[in-house]
C-alpha cells in the first residue's frame, strides 16, 4: 500500500499521491482546511494517485463542500479513471462532475 500524501505545490494547489482509500482518508480530510478558510480557489492534482476507492470520493466531496461553504472554487485535475467510474456508479457526477478539470 502506497502511503497517501497531500503536498502543497502553490497557492491553493495540492498534489495528492499514493493510495486514497477508506483506510487512509481520515488523516487527509482536515489537512487543507486552513487554505479553505483563508484562501484562494483550491486545485487538487490526482495524477499521482495509485489506488482509489469510495473513500477518495468521500474526501473530494468533503473538500468540495468546505470550499463551497467558504465561497471559493474547487477543481480536481487528473482524476483516476476507476474513480470516474465509481463517481458515475454512485450518481455523483452531478455533484463532482462540475469540479473536474
Foldseek 3Di string as FASTA:
>chain_A
DFQWDWADDDFQETEIAEEQEPVHCVVVQCPCLVCLQDHAAHEYEDQRYDHYDVNVVVSLLSVCVSNVVNPHHYAYEPDDPVVVVVCVVVVVCVVCVVRYD
